[in-house]
Each structure stands twice: as C-alpha cells, then as structure tokens.
C-alpha cells in the first residue's frame, strides 16, 4: 500500500504514514529545500520543477483559479469509469 500526500506539506501528513509501505509526494513545482526535507523523511518525491525562488504554486500558472470539490469528485469519477483510466483499487 502507498499513501499519497497531494499537498506535499509534511505538516499536513496523516499520522498513518508510518503504516504505509511507501509515501509518494507528487507536485508540479516545489522549493528544492522542501524536496530535500521530504526525501530525508523517506518520501518518494516526483517534482517536475524545483525552483529556489518558489513562493507559491500559483506563480507558475497563467490561470490558477480554484476548483470546487464537486468538480474534483466528478473528474475523478469520470477518470475511474473510463476504459483507459486506471480504475481499480
């Protein structure tokens, strides 16, 4: 089993991480120091761009408007139902 932390913020890490076989943190961009800290904690980190001038994720997008919970749920349901999706547990 793997636990996944979409935020990449270890202060938000579930207390059950120690029960996971591995923890994967996948983010589009992060400060190098955060990536180093996560790896030092034993996390597997997938980061497209490490930027030492990182302030916020939104600074790297032309449009970083919020997505509603309902939209996220609908997109995830659509993904898991699609034949080409990675459906399953």
Protein backbone atom coordinates (compact mmCIF):
# COMPACT_ATOMS: atom_id res chain seq x y z
CA UNK A 1 0.00 0.00 0.00
CA UNK A 2 1.08 3.54 -0.66
CA UNK A 3 -0.09 6.74 0.98
CA UNK A 4 -0.22 9.81 -1.22
CA UNK A 5 0.04 13.38 0.03
CA UNK A 6 -1.12 15.68 -2.77
CA UNK A 7 -0.10 18.86 -0.99
CA UNK A 8 3.48 17.84 -0.36
CA UNK A 9 3.28 19.59 3.00
CA UNK A 10 4.53 17.29 5.76
CA UNK A 11 2.73 19.33 8.40
CA UNK A 12 -0.47 18.01 6.82
CA UNK A 13 0.82 14.44 6.69
CA UNK A 14 -1.59 11.85 8.05
CA UNK A 15 -0.45 10.20 11.26
CA UNK A 16 -0.87 6.85 9.50
CA UNK A 17 2.04 7.46 7.09
CA UNK A 18 4.23 5.19 9.20
CA UNK A 19 1.85 2.33 8.30
CA UNK A 20 2.40 2.78 4.55
CA UNK A 21 4.91 0.71 2.64
CA UNK A 22 5.89 3.91 0.84
CA UNK A 23 4.84 7.55 0.68
CA UNK A 24 4.73 9.25 -2.71
CA UNK A 25 4.60 13.05 -2.96
CA UNK A 26 3.83 14.27 -6.49
CA UNK A 27 3.89 18.00 -7.16
CA UNK A 28 4.36 20.16 -10.25
CA UNK A 29 6.80 22.57 -8.57
CA UNK A 30 8.44 22.98 -5.18
CA UNK A 31 11.36 24.69 -3.50
CA UNK A 32 14.48 22.48 -3.51
CA UNK A 33 14.71 22.57 0.29
CA UNK A 34 11.20 21.10 0.63
CA UNK A 35 12.07 18.30 -1.77
CA UNK A 36 15.24 17.55 0.21
CA UNK A 37 13.32 17.51 3.52
CA UNK A 38 10.67 15.15 2.17
CA UNK A 39 13.29 12.77 0.77
CA UNK A 40 15.14 12.88 4.10
CA UNK A 41 11.89 11.77 5.75
CA UNK A 42 11.80 8.78 3.43
CA UNK A 43 9.23 10.05 0.92
CA UNK A 44 9.49 9.32 -2.77
CA UNK A 45 9.23 12.75 -4.43
CA UNK A 46 8.16 13.38 -8.02
CA UNK A 47 8.63 17.05 -8.81
CA UNK A 48 8.59 18.44 -12.35
CA UNK A 49 10.41 21.64 -11.41
CA UNK A 50 12.42 22.58 -8.35
CA UNK A 51 12.70 26.35 -8.14
CA UNK A 52 14.75 28.15 -5.46
CA UNK A 53 12.61 31.28 -6.00
CA UNK A 54 9.40 29.37 -5.18
CA UNK A 55 6.80 31.40 -3.29
CA UNK A 56 3.54 29.68 -4.24
CA UNK A 57 2.37 27.12 -6.79
CA UNK A 58 0.11 29.73 -8.40
CA UNK A 59 3.08 31.82 -9.55
CA UNK A 60 3.88 29.14 -12.15
CA UNK A 61 0.46 29.14 -13.83
CA UNK A 62 -1.27 31.67 -16.07
CA UNK A 63 -4.62 30.58 -14.61
CA UNK A 64 -4.67 29.07 -11.13
CA UNK A 65 -8.33 29.51 -10.24
CA UNK A 66 -9.81 27.30 -7.55
CA UNK A 67 -11.64 24.11 -8.48
CA UNK A 68 -14.69 23.15 -6.45
CA UNK A 69 -14.88 19.90 -4.52
CA UNK A 70 -17.81 18.87 -6.70
CA UNK A 71 -15.78 19.36 -9.89
CA UNK A 72 -12.88 17.33 -8.50
CA UNK A 73 -15.22 14.50 -7.49
CA UNK A 74 -16.86 14.49 -10.93
CA UNK A 75 -13.49 14.42 -12.71
CA UNK A 76 -12.22 11.59 -10.52
CA UNK A 77 -15.39 9.56 -11.05
CA UNK A 78 -15.13 10.10 -14.81
CA UNK A 79 -11.48 9.01 -14.76
CA UNK A 80 -12.12 5.81 -12.80
CA UNK A 81 -15.04 4.85 -15.06
CA UNK A 82 -13.19 5.42 -18.34
CA UNK A 83 -11.89 2.25 -20.04
CA UNK A 84 -8.49 3.86 -20.49
CA UNK A 85 -8.45 5.00 -16.85
CA UNK A 86 -6.52 3.24 -14.16
CA UNK A 87 -9.65 2.02 -12.44
CA UNK A 88 -9.47 -0.38 -9.58
CA UNK A 89 -8.27 -0.20 -6.01
